[in-house]
């Protein structure tokens, strides 16, 4: 179980300054640092919310969605050490780097302002014996680490997979930077 510190003392999921919510939604469309993000799963303490929180699985998963994809990926790359040990789930397509064995990149095509500044955004993944062909759409879950990536000669956030499952391509395969 990943431990997520929680300073929202009025949140129903705060138990001894730790989040007990099964999954959280990270908010902060225009955040420039992890301090400018917030928990979209916050629920004010009430009897009903307290009962719900006690029945959750007690683990934390950051759901990267079509709506928050670009912002969360940007934060992971800007502040990778803040995400080390965090459990992440997202959907993208596979790219197999022909120069690197044991890694598969899981990307989405992202557009910041217009098609001229579009590109692929995602994470290198490792830890799964299961491999997929390029352009296969998958949903992945894993834990973030920071490892030195030889081909780029720099440290990168890497998703150590615990689960990978083939899925259908979304209706809109693109993600957008929201301003």
Foldseek 3Di string as FASTA:
>chain_A
DFWDFAPPVQFLQQDVRTGQAQEWEWDALPDPEPVRIDTPPGDGDDPVSNVVNVPHPRAYEYEQELACPVVVLVHCFVCVVVQAFHKYKYKAWWDDDPVDPQKIWGWFWEDEPDPVPIDITTAIEGADPDDDDGGFMKMWIFGWDWDQDVVVRGIHIYGYTPDIDTDDQDPDRYGYRDD
